[in-house]
Amino acid sequence: MAKRRKVSNPLALAVMAELGAEPMHPYEMGRRLKEHGKDRNIKYNRSSLYMVVEQLRKAGFVAEQETVRDTQRPERTVYALTSEGRAELLDWMREWVAEPQEEYPAFGVALCLLVVLPTAESIELLGRRLAVLDERIDDERAQLRKAAEMGVHPMFVIEDDYALALLEAERRYAENLIRQLGEPEFNRTLQEFMRSLE
Protein backbone atom coordinates (compact mmCIF):
# COMPACT_ATOMS: atom_id res chain seq x y z
CA MET A 1 0.00 0.00 0.00
CA ALA A 2 1.46 3.33 -1.08
CA LYS A 3 2.08 5.86 1.66
CA ARG A 4 0.07 9.07 1.79
CA ARG A 5 2.53 11.85 1.10
CA LYS A 6 2.30 15.57 1.79
CA VAL A 7 3.18 16.16 -1.87
CA SER A 8 2.48 13.20 -4.15
CA ASN A 9 3.07 14.57 -7.66
CA PRO A 10 5.89 12.64 -9.42
CA LEU A 11 7.29 16.00 -10.51
CA ALA A 12 7.97 16.72 -6.82
CA LEU A 13 10.14 13.62 -6.64
CA ALA A 14 12.14 14.84 -9.66
CA VAL A 15 12.50 18.32 -8.17
CA MET A 16 13.81 16.91 -4.89
CA ALA A 17 16.24 14.69 -6.81
CA GLU A 18 17.56 17.72 -8.74
CA LEU A 19 17.90 19.74 -5.53
CA GLY A 20 19.67 16.77 -3.96
CA ALA A 21 22.54 17.52 -6.35
CA GLU A 22 22.69 21.25 -5.61
CA PRO A 23 20.50 24.27 -4.80
CA MET A 24 18.95 25.92 -7.85
CA HIS A 25 16.22 28.11 -9.27
CA PRO A 26 13.06 26.40 -10.69
CA TYR A 27 13.96 27.54 -14.21
CA GLU A 28 17.30 25.71 -13.88
CA MET A 29 15.49 22.59 -12.57
CA GLY A 30 13.26 22.58 -15.66
CA ARG A 31 16.23 23.08 -17.97
CA ARG A 32 18.09 20.15 -16.40
CA LEU A 33 15.07 17.83 -16.46
CA LYS A 34 14.71 18.54 -20.18
CA GLU A 35 18.45 18.33 -20.84
CA HIS A 36 18.64 14.93 -19.12
CA GLY A 37 15.56 13.63 -20.97
CA LYS A 38 13.50 13.29 -17.77
CA ASP A 39 10.66 15.23 -19.42
CA ARG A 40 9.91 12.07 -21.42
CA ASN A 41 8.74 10.35 -18.20
CA ILE A 42 7.61 13.30 -16.09
CA LYS A 43 5.12 15.65 -17.70
CA TYR A 44 5.26 19.27 -16.59
CA ASN A 45 5.22 22.86 -17.75
CA ARG A 46 6.72 25.99 -16.25
CA SER A 47 3.70 26.83 -14.08
CA SER A 48 3.36 23.27 -12.75
CA LEU A 49 7.06 23.28 -11.86
CA TYR A 50 6.72 26.50 -9.85
CA MET A 51 3.53 25.16 -8.21
CA VAL A 52 5.29 21.95 -7.11
CA VAL A 53 8.25 23.91 -5.71
CA GLU A 54 5.80 25.97 -3.66
CA GLN A 55 4.04 22.81 -2.41
CA LEU A 56 7.40 21.35 -1.39
CA ARG A 57 8.29 24.62 0.38
CA LYS A 58 5.03 24.57 2.35
CA ALA A 59 5.63 20.91 3.27
CA GLY A 60 9.11 21.81 4.60
CA PHE A 61 10.95 19.70 2.01
CA VAL A 62 12.65 22.64 0.29
CA ALA A 63 13.63 26.07 1.55
CA GLU A 64 14.57 29.35 -0.04
CA GLN A 65 18.35 29.64 0.10
CA GLU A 66 18.90 33.00 -1.55
CA THR A 67 17.43 35.49 -3.96
CA VAL A 68 19.68 36.32 -6.90
CA ARG A 69 19.37 39.73 -8.48
CA ASP A 70 21.02 40.95 -11.65
CA THR A 71 20.23 43.75 -14.05
CA GLN A 72 19.44 41.47 -16.98
CA ARG A 73 16.66 39.37 -15.41
CA PRO A 74 14.01 39.57 -12.69
CA GLU A 75 15.11 38.35 -9.28
CA ARG A 76 15.27 34.58 -8.93
CA THR A 77 14.82 32.53 -5.79
CA VAL A 78 17.24 29.65 -5.36
CA TYR A 79 15.89 26.65 -3.43
CA ALA A 80 17.71 23.98 -1.45
CA LEU A 81 16.61 20.56 -0.23
CA THR A 82 16.04 20.44 3.55
CA SER A 83 17.00 17.46 5.72
CA GLU A 84 13.28 16.55 5.83
CA GLY A 85 13.22 16.78 2.04
CA ARG A 86 16.22 14.47 1.69
CA ALA A 87 14.55 11.93 4.01
CA GLU A 88 11.31 12.19 1.99
CA LEU A 89 13.18 11.80 -1.32
CA LEU A 90 14.97 8.66 -0.15
CA ASP A 91 11.86 7.14 1.46
CA TRP A 92 9.75 7.81 -1.63
CA MET A 93 12.43 6.40 -3.96
CA ARG A 94 12.81 3.26 -1.85
CA GLU A 95 9.03 2.73 -1.89
CA TRP A 96 8.68 3.18 -5.66
CA VAL A 97 11.68 1.00 -6.50
CA ALA A 98 10.73 -1.84 -4.13
CA GLU A 99 6.92 -1.87 -4.32
CA PRO A 100 4.96 -2.15 -7.59
CA GLN A 101 2.41 0.67 -7.78
CA GLU A 102 -1.14 0.40 -9.08
CA GLU A 103 -1.26 2.10 -12.45
CA TYR A 104 -4.18 2.41 -14.83
CA PRO A 105 -2.85 2.75 -18.38
CA ALA A 106 -5.35 3.45 -21.16
CA PHE A 107 -4.51 0.19 -22.97
CA GLY A 108 -5.46 -1.84 -19.88
CA VAL A 109 -8.80 -0.06 -19.74
CA ALA A 110 -9.36 -0.70 -23.47
CA LEU A 111 -8.52 -4.40 -23.04
CA CYS A 112 -11.01 -4.88 -20.22
CA LEU A 113 -13.71 -3.45 -22.52
CA LEU A 114 -12.49 -5.02 -25.80
CA VAL A 115 -15.56 -7.24 -26.05
CA VAL A 116 -17.63 -4.23 -27.20
CA LEU A 117 -15.78 -4.26 -30.57
CA PRO A 118 -16.26 -6.88 -33.26
CA THR A 119 -13.33 -9.33 -33.25
CA ALA A 120 -12.29 -8.46 -36.83
CA GLU A 121 -12.14 -4.76 -35.95
CA SER A 122 -10.11 -5.51 -32.80
CA ILE A 123 -7.61 -7.44 -34.93
CA GLU A 124 -7.32 -4.54 -37.39
CA LEU A 125 -6.88 -1.96 -34.62
CA LEU A 126 -4.30 -4.09 -32.82
CA GLY A 127 -2.41 -4.40 -36.11
CA ARG A 128 -2.26 -0.61 -36.29
CA ARG A 129 -1.03 -0.58 -32.69
CA LEU A 130 1.77 -3.00 -33.64
CA ALA A 131 2.95 -0.59 -36.35
CA VAL A 132 3.11 2.29 -33.85
CA LEU A 133 4.87 0.09 -31.28
CA ASP A 134 7.45 -0.91 -33.91
CA GLU A 135 8.22 2.79 -34.57
CA ARG A 136 8.57 3.50 -30.85
CA ILE A 137 10.77 0.44 -30.32
CA ASP A 138 13.03 1.61 -33.16
CA ASP A 139 13.19 5.11 -31.61
CA GLU A 140 14.11 3.76 -28.15
CA ARG A 141 16.79 1.50 -29.61
CA ALA A 142 18.21 4.46 -31.55
CA GLN A 143 18.27 6.58 -28.35
CA LEU A 144 20.09 3.83 -26.46
CA ARG A 145 22.59 3.32 -29.31
CA LYS A 146 23.27 7.06 -29.44
CA ALA A 147 23.82 7.20 -25.68
CA ALA A 148 26.22 4.24 -25.86
CA GLU A 149 28.15 5.87 -28.72
CA MET A 150 28.44 9.05 -26.64
CA GLY A 151 29.82 7.03 -23.73
CA VAL A 152 26.84 7.71 -21.46
CA HIS A 153 26.81 5.29 -18.53
CA PRO A 154 23.79 2.91 -18.74
CA MET A 155 22.58 4.11 -15.31
CA PHE A 156 21.75 7.50 -16.87
CA VAL A 157 19.50 6.00 -19.55
CA ILE A 158 17.98 3.26 -17.40
CA GLU A 159 14.47 4.66 -17.92
CA ASP A 160 14.93 4.32 -21.69
CA ASP A 161 15.99 0.70 -21.24
CA TYR A 162 12.86 0.12 -19.11
CA ALA A 163 10.65 1.88 -21.69
CA LEU A 164 12.08 -0.39 -24.40
CA ALA A 165 11.38 -3.51 -22.32
CA LEU A 166 7.76 -2.38 -21.77
CA LEU A 167 7.26 -1.63 -25.47
CA GLU A 168 8.69 -5.01 -26.47
CA ALA A 169 6.51 -6.81 -23.90
CA GLU A 170 3.40 -4.93 -25.09
CA ARG A 171 4.26 -5.78 -28.69
CA ARG A 172 4.54 -9.51 -27.86
CA TYR A 173 1.24 -9.35 -25.97
CA ALA A 174 -0.59 -7.56 -28.82
CA GLU A 175 0.82 -9.99 -31.39
CA ASN A 176 -0.35 -12.98 -29.32
CA LEU A 177 -3.75 -11.38 -28.80
CA ILE A 178 -4.17 -10.87 -32.56
CA ARG A 179 -3.35 -14.55 -33.08
CA GLN A 180 -5.82 -15.60 -30.37
CA LEU A 181 -8.61 -13.37 -31.72
CA GLY A 182 -8.09 -14.89 -35.16
CA GLU A 183 -8.62 -18.48 -33.99
CA PRO A 184 -12.04 -19.88 -35.05
CA GLU A 185 -12.41 -21.86 -31.79
CA PHE A 186 -11.79 -18.74 -29.70
CA ASN A 187 -14.49 -16.87 -31.61
CA ARG A 188 -16.94 -19.79 -31.44
CA THR A 189 -16.61 -20.09 -27.65
CA LEU A 190 -16.81 -16.29 -27.30
CA GLN A 191 -20.09 -16.20 -29.24
CA GLU A 192 -21.49 -19.05 -27.13
CA PHE A 193 -20.52 -17.24 -23.94
CA MET A 194 -22.07 -13.98 -25.15
CA ARG A 195 -25.33 -15.77 -26.00
CA SER A 196 -25.40 -17.32 -22.53
CA LEU A 197 -25.40 -13.78 -21.04
CA GLU A 198 -28.49 -12.70 -22.98
C-alpha atoms as a PDB file:
ATOM      1  CA  MET A   1       0.000   0.000   0.000  1.00  0.00           C
ATOM      2  CA  ALA A   2       1.463   3.331  -1.079  1.00  0.00           C
ATOM      3  CA  LYS A   3       2.077   5.863   1.661  1.00  0.00           C
ATOM      4  CA  ARG A   4       0.073   9.066   1.793  1.00  0.00           C
ATOM      5  CA  ARG A   5       2.531  11.847   1.104  1.00  0.00           C
ATOM      6  CA  LYS A   6       2.303  15.571   1.789  1.00  0.00           C
ATOM      7  CA  VAL A   7       3.180  16.160  -1.868  1.00  0.00           C
ATOM      8  CA  SER A   8       2.481  13.198  -4.146  1.00  0.00           C
ATOM      9  CA  ASN A   9       3.073  14.574  -7.657  1.00  0.00           C
ATOM     10  CA  PRO A  10       5.895  12.639  -9.415  1.00  0.00           C
ATOM     11  CA  LEU A  11       7.291  16.003 -10.506  1.00  0.00           C
ATOM     12  CA  ALA A  12       7.966  16.723  -6.818  1.00  0.00           C
ATOM     13  CA  LEU A  13      10.143  13.624  -6.643  1.00  0.00           C
ATOM     14  CA  ALA A  14      12.143  14.835  -9.661  1.00  0.00           C
ATOM     15  CA  VAL A  15      12.504  18.319  -8.170  1.00  0.00           C
ATOM     16  CA  MET A  16      13.811  16.914  -4.894  1.00  0.00           C
ATOM     17  CA  ALA A  17      16.240  14.694  -6.809  1.00  0.00           C
ATOM     18  CA  GLU A  18      17.561  17.720  -8.743  1.00  0.00           C
ATOM     19  CA  LEU A  19      17.899  19.742  -5.533  1.00  0.00           C
ATOM     20  CA  GLY A  20      19.674  16.774  -3.956  1.00  0.00           C
ATOM     21  CA  ALA A  21      22.539  17.515  -6.349  1.00  0.00           C
ATOM     22  CA  GLU A  22      22.692  21.252  -5.608  1.00  0.00           C
ATOM     23  CA  PRO A  23      20.496  24.267  -4.798  1.00  0.00           C
ATOM     24  CA  MET A  24      18.954  25.923  -7.850  1.00  0.00           C
ATOM     25  CA  HIS A  25      16.217  28.109  -9.274  1.00  0.00           C
ATOM     26  CA  PRO A  26      13.059  26.401 -10.687  1.00  0.00           C
ATOM     27  CA  TYR A  27      13.964  27.539 -14.214  1.00  0.00           C
ATOM     28  CA  GLU A  28      17.297  25.707 -13.884  1.00  0.00           C
ATOM     29  CA  MET A  29      15.489  22.586 -12.572  1.00  0.00           C
ATOM     30  CA  GLY A  30      13.256  22.577 -15.657  1.00  0.00           C
ATOM     31  CA  ARG A  31      16.232  23.076 -17.975  1.00  0.00           C
ATOM     32  CA  ARG A  32      18.089  20.153 -16.399  1.00  0.00           C
ATOM     33  CA  LEU A  33      15.071  17.834 -16.461  1.00  0.00           C
ATOM     34  CA  LYS A  34      14.705  18.537 -20.184  1.00  0.00           C
ATOM     35  CA  GLU A  35      18.446  18.329 -20.842  1.00  0.00           C
ATOM     36  CA  HIS A  36      18.641  14.926 -19.125  1.00  0.00           C
ATOM     37  CA  GLY A  37      15.559  13.628 -20.970  1.00  0.00           C
ATOM     38  CA  LYS A  38      13.504  13.286 -17.774  1.00  0.00           C
ATOM     39  CA  ASP A  39      10.662  15.234 -19.416  1.00  0.00           C
ATOM     40  CA  ARG A  40       9.911  12.065 -21.416  1.00  0.00           C
ATOM     41  CA  ASN A  41       8.742  10.349 -18.201  1.00  0.00           C
ATOM     42  CA  ILE A  42       7.608  13.300 -16.093  1.00  0.00           C
ATOM     43  CA  LYS A  43       5.117  15.651 -17.698  1.00  0.00           C
ATOM     44  CA  TYR A  44       5.261  19.271 -16.589  1.00  0.00           C
ATOM     45  CA  ASN A  45       5.222  22.857 -17.753  1.00  0.00           C
ATOM     46  CA  ARG A  46       6.719  25.988 -16.251  1.00  0.00           C
ATOM     47  CA  SER A  47       3.703  26.834 -14.082  1.00  0.00           C
ATOM     48  CA  SER A  48       3.361  23.272 -12.745  1.00  0.00           C
ATOM     49  CA  LEU A  49       7.064  23.281 -11.858  1.00  0.00           C
ATOM     50  CA  TYR A  50       6.716  26.500  -9.845  1.00  0.00           C
ATOM     51  CA  MET A  51       3.533  25.159  -8.213  1.00  0.00           C
ATOM     52  CA  VAL A  52       5.294  21.948  -7.112  1.00  0.00           C
ATOM     53  CA  VAL A  53       8.247  23.908  -5.712  1.00  0.00           C
ATOM     54  CA  GLU A  54       5.800  25.967  -3.660  1.00  0.00           C
ATOM     55  CA  GLN A  55       4.039  22.806  -2.410  1.00  0.00           C
ATOM     56  CA  LEU A  56       7.403  21.349  -1.388  1.00  0.00           C
ATOM     57  CA  ARG A  57       8.293  24.616   0.384  1.00  0.00           C
ATOM     58  CA  LYS A  58       5.027  24.573   2.353  1.00  0.00           C
ATOM     59  CA  ALA A  59       5.634  20.914   3.274  1.00  0.00           C
ATOM     60  CA  GLY A  60       9.107  21.808   4.596  1.00  0.00           C
ATOM     61  CA  PHE A  61      10.952  19.698   2.010  1.00  0.00           C
ATOM     62  CA  VAL A  62      12.655  22.640   0.287  1.00  0.00           C
ATOM     63  CA  ALA A  63      13.625  26.070   1.549  1.00  0.00           C
ATOM     64  CA  GLU A  64      14.574  29.350  -0.038  1.00  0.00           C
ATOM     65  CA  GLN A  65      18.348  29.638   0.095  1.00  0.00           C
ATOM     66  CA  GLU A  66      18.898  33.000  -1.553  1.00  0.00           C
ATOM     67  CA  THR A  67      17.425  35.489  -3.962  1.00  0.00           C
ATOM     68  CA  VAL A  68      19.680  36.322  -6.896  1.00  0.00           C
ATOM     69  CA  ARG A  69      19.374  39.734  -8.481  1.00  0.00           C
ATOM     70  CA  ASP A  70      21.021  40.945 -11.652  1.00  0.00           C
ATOM     71  CA  THR A  71      20.234  43.752 -14.048  1.00  0.00           C
ATOM     72  CA  GLN A  72      19.440  41.475 -16.982  1.00  0.00           C
ATOM     73  CA  ARG A  73      16.665  39.374 -15.412  1.00  0.00           C
ATOM     74  CA  PRO A  74      14.013  39.571 -12.694  1.00  0.00           C
ATOM     75  CA  GLU A  75      15.105  38.355  -9.280  1.00  0.00           C
ATOM     76  CA  ARG A  76      15.271  34.579  -8.930  1.00  0.00           C
ATOM     77  CA  THR A  77      14.824  32.529  -5.791  1.00  0.00           C
ATOM     78  CA  VAL A  78      17.236  29.646  -5.356  1.00  0.00           C
ATOM     79  CA  TYR A  79      15.885  26.652  -3.426  1.00  0.00           C
ATOM     80  CA  ALA A  80      17.711  23.981  -1.453  1.00  0.00           C
ATOM     81  CA  LEU A  81      16.611  20.561  -0.229  1.00  0.00           C
ATOM     82  CA  THR A  82      16.038  20.440   3.547  1.00  0.00           C
ATOM     83  CA  SER A  83      17.001  17.460   5.718  1.00  0.00           C
ATOM     84  CA  GLU A  84      13.281  16.550   5.829  1.00  0.00           C
ATOM     85  CA  GLY A  85      13.218  16.782   2.036  1.00  0.00           C
ATOM     86  CA  ARG A  86      16.217  14.473   1.687  1.00  0.00           C
ATOM     87  CA  ALA A  87      14.553  11.933   4.013  1.00  0.00           C
ATOM     88  CA  GLU A  88      11.306  12.189   1.988  1.00  0.00           C
ATOM     89  CA  LEU A  89      13.175  11.804  -1.320  1.00  0.00           C
ATOM     90  CA  LEU A  90      14.969   8.660  -0.149  1.00  0.00           C
ATOM     91  CA  ASP A  91      11.857   7.138   1.463  1.00  0.00           C
ATOM     92  CA  TRP A  92       9.753   7.809  -1.633  1.00  0.00           C
ATOM     93  CA  MET A  93      12.426   6.400  -3.963  1.00  0.00           C
ATOM     94  CA  ARG A  94      12.810   3.260  -1.847  1.00  0.00           C
ATOM     95  CA  GLU A  95       9.035   2.734  -1.895  1.00  0.00           C
ATOM     96  CA  TRP A  96       8.683   3.182  -5.658  1.00  0.00           C
ATOM     97  CA  VAL A  97      11.684   0.999  -6.498  1.00  0.00           C
ATOM     98  CA  ALA A  98      10.733  -1.838  -4.128  1.00  0.00           C
ATOM     99  CA  GLU A  99       6.925  -1.874  -4.321  1.00  0.00           C
ATOM    100  CA  PRO A 100       4.955  -2.154  -7.594  1.00  0.00           C
ATOM    101  CA  GLN A 101       2.409   0.672  -7.784  1.00  0.00           C
ATOM    102  CA  GLU A 102      -1.135   0.398  -9.084  1.00  0.00           C
ATOM    103  CA  GLU A 103      -1.257   2.103 -12.452  1.00  0.00           C
ATOM    104  CA  TYR A 104      -4.182   2.411 -14.830  1.00  0.00           C
ATOM    105  CA  PRO A 105      -2.853   2.747 -18.383  1.00  0.00           C
ATOM    106  CA  ALA A 106      -5.348   3.448 -21.164  1.00  0.00           C
ATOM    107  CA  PHE A 107      -4.506   0.188 -22.970  1.00  0.00           C
ATOM    108  CA  GLY A 108      -5.455  -1.838 -19.881  1.00  0.00           C
ATOM    109  CA  VAL A 109      -8.802  -0.057 -19.743  1.00  0.00           C
ATOM    110  CA  ALA A 110      -9.360  -0.698 -23.474  1.00  0.00           C
ATOM    111  CA  LEU A 111      -8.521  -4.403 -23.038  1.00  0.00           C
ATOM    112  CA  CYS A 112     -11.012  -4.878 -20.216  1.00  0.00           C
ATOM    113  CA  LEU A 113     -13.706  -3.454 -22.524  1.00  0.00           C
ATOM    114  CA  LEU A 114     -12.489  -5.016 -25.795  1.00  0.00           C
ATOM    115  CA  VAL A 115     -15.557  -7.243 -26.046  1.00  0.00           C
ATOM    116  CA  VAL A 116     -17.631  -4.233 -27.204  1.00  0.00           C
ATOM    117  CA  LEU A 117     -15.783  -4.258 -30.571  1.00  0.00           C
ATOM    118  CA  PRO A 118     -16.259  -6.880 -33.259  1.00  0.00           C
ATOM    119  CA  THR A 119     -13.328  -9.330 -33.248  1.00  0.00           C
ATOM    120  CA  ALA A 120     -12.294  -8.462 -36.826  1.00  0.00           C
ATOM    121  CA  GLU A 121     -12.135  -4.762 -35.948  1.00  0.00           C
ATOM    122  CA  SER A 122     -10.111  -5.515 -32.801  1.00  0.00           C
ATOM    123  CA  ILE A 123      -7.612  -7.441 -34.934  1.00  0.00           C
ATOM    124  CA  GLU A 124      -7.325  -4.545 -37.393  1.00  0.00           C
ATOM    125  CA  LEU A 125      -6.879  -1.962 -34.617  1.00  0.00           C
ATOM    126  CA  LEU A 126      -4.300  -4.093 -32.820  1.00  0.00           C
ATOM    127  CA  GLY A 127      -2.412  -4.404 -36.110  1.00  0.00           C
ATOM    128  CA  ARG A 128      -2.263  -0.611 -36.287  1.00  0.00           C
ATOM    129  CA  ARG A 129      -1.033  -0.577 -32.691  1.00  0.00           C
ATOM    130  CA  LEU A 130       1.770  -3.001 -33.639  1.00  0.00           C
ATOM    131  CA  ALA A 131       2.954  -0.591 -36.346  1.00  0.00           C
ATOM    132  CA  VAL A 132       3.110   2.288 -33.846  1.00  0.00           C
ATOM    133  CA  LEU A 133       4.870   0.086 -31.282  1.00  0.00           C
ATOM    134  CA  ASP A 134       7.451  -0.905 -33.911  1.00  0.00           C
ATOM    135  CA  GLU A 135       8.219   2.786 -34.567  1.00  0.00           C
ATOM    136  CA  ARG A 136       8.568   3.501 -30.847  1.00  0.00           C
ATOM    137  CA  ILE A 137      10.767   0.439 -30.319  1.00  0.00           C
ATOM    138  CA  ASP A 138      13.033   1.613 -33.157  1.00  0.00           C
ATOM    139  CA  ASP A 139      13.189   5.113 -31.612  1.00  0.00           C
ATOM    140  CA  GLU A 140      14.106   3.756 -28.154  1.00  0.00           C
ATOM    141  CA  ARG A 141      16.789   1.498 -29.615  1.00  0.00           C
ATOM    142  CA  ALA A 142      18.214   4.458 -31.546  1.00  0.00           C
ATOM    143  CA  GLN A 143      18.267   6.580 -28.350  1.00  0.00           C
ATOM    144  CA  LEU A 144      20.085   3.832 -26.459  1.00  0.00           C
ATOM    145  CA  ARG A 145      22.591   3.322 -29.308  1.00  0.00           C
ATOM    146  CA  LYS A 146      23.269   7.062 -29.439  1.00  0.00           C
ATOM    147  CA  ALA A 147      23.824   7.203 -25.675  1.00  0.00           C
ATOM    148  CA  ALA A 148      26.215   4.236 -25.861  1.00  0.00           C
ATOM    149  CA  GLU A 149      28.152   5.866 -28.720  1.00  0.00           C
ATOM    150  CA  MET A 150      28.444   9.054 -26.639  1.00  0.00           C
ATOM    151  CA  GLY A 151      29.823   7.035 -23.726  1.00  0.00           C
ATOM    152  CA  VAL A 152      26.839   7.714 -21.456  1.00  0.00           C
ATOM    153  CA  HIS A 153      26.809   5.293 -18.526  1.00  0.00           C
ATOM    154  CA  PRO A 154      23.793   2.912 -18.742  1.00  0.00           C
ATOM    155  CA  MET A 155      22.581   4.112 -15.314  1.00  0.00           C
ATOM    156  CA  PHE A 156      21.748   7.497 -16.869  1.00  0.00           C
ATOM    157  CA  VAL A 157      19.497   5.998 -19.548  1.00  0.00           C
ATOM    158  CA  ILE A 158      17.982   3.259 -17.404  1.00  0.00           C
ATOM    159  CA  GLU A 159      14.467   4.656 -17.917  1.00  0.00           C
ATOM    160  CA  ASP A 160      14.926   4.323 -21.695  1.00  0.00           C
ATOM    161  CA  ASP A 161      15.987   0.699 -21.238  1.00  0.00           C
ATOM    162  CA  TYR A 162      12.861   0.118 -19.110  1.00  0.00           C
ATOM    163  CA  ALA A 163      10.649   1.877 -21.691  1.00  0.00           C
ATOM    164  CA  LEU A 164      12.082  -0.392 -24.401  1.00  0.00           C
ATOM    165  CA  ALA A 165      11.378  -3.506 -22.315  1.00  0.00           C
ATOM    166  CA  LEU A 166       7.760  -2.379 -21.775  1.00  0.00           C
ATOM    167  CA  LEU A 167       7.259  -1.633 -25.471  1.00  0.00           C
ATOM    168  CA  GLU A 168       8.693  -5.012 -26.473  1.00  0.00           C
ATOM    169  CA  ALA A 169       6.509  -6.810 -23.903  1.00  0.00           C
ATOM    170  CA  GLU A 170       3.401  -4.930 -25.086  1.00  0.00           C
ATOM    171  CA  ARG A 171       4.264  -5.784 -28.690  1.00  0.00           C
ATOM    172  CA  ARG A 172       4.537  -9.514 -27.857  1.00  0.00           C
ATOM    173  CA  TYR A 173       1.245  -9.349 -25.968  1.00  0.00           C
ATOM    174  CA  ALA A 174      -0.590  -7.559 -28.816  1.00  0.00           C
ATOM    175  CA  GLU A 175       0.820  -9.986 -31.392  1.00  0.00           C
ATOM    176  CA  ASN A 176      -0.350 -12.985 -29.317  1.00  0.00           C
ATOM    177  CA  LEU A 177      -3.754 -11.382 -28.799  1.00  0.00           C
ATOM    178  CA  ILE A 178      -4.173 -10.871 -32.555  1.00  0.00           C
ATOM    179  CA  ARG A 179      -3.351 -14.549 -33.077  1.00  0.00           C
ATOM    180  CA  GLN A 180      -5.823 -15.596 -30.372  1.00  0.00           C
ATOM    181  CA  LEU A 181      -8.612 -13.369 -31.720  1.00  0.00           C
ATOM    182  CA  GLY A 182      -8.091 -14.894 -35.161  1.00  0.00           C
ATOM    183  CA  GLU A 183      -8.619 -18.477 -33.988  1.00  0.00           C
ATOM    184  CA  PRO A 184     -12.035 -19.876 -35.048  1.00  0.00           C
ATOM    185  CA  GLU A 185     -12.410 -21.859 -31.795  1.00  0.00           C
ATOM    186  CA  PHE A 186     -11.792 -18.740 -29.704  1.00  0.00           C
ATOM    187  CA  ASN A 187     -14.492 -16.874 -31.610  1.00  0.00           C
ATOM    188  CA  ARG A 188     -16.935 -19.791 -31.442  1.00  0.00           C
ATOM    189  CA  THR A 189     -16.609 -20.088 -27.648  1.00  0.00           C
ATOM    190  CA  LEU A 190     -16.805 -16.291 -27.297  1.00  0.00           C
ATOM    191  CA  GLN A 191     -20.093 -16.200 -29.236  1.00  0.00           C
ATOM    192  CA  GLU A 192     -21.485 -19.048 -27.126  1.00  0.00           C
ATOM    193  CA  PHE A 193     -20.524 -17.239 -23.943  1.00  0.00           C
ATOM    194  CA  MET A 194     -22.073 -13.975 -25.151  1.00  0.00           C
ATOM    195  CA  ARG A 195     -25.326 -15.773 -25.997  1.00  0.00           C
ATOM    196  CA  SER A 196     -25.404 -17.317 -22.526  1.00  0.00           C
ATOM    197  CA  LEU A 197     -25.403 -13.784 -21.042  1.00  0.00           C
ATOM    198  CA  GLU A 198     -28.487 -12.700 -22.983  1.00  0.00           C
END
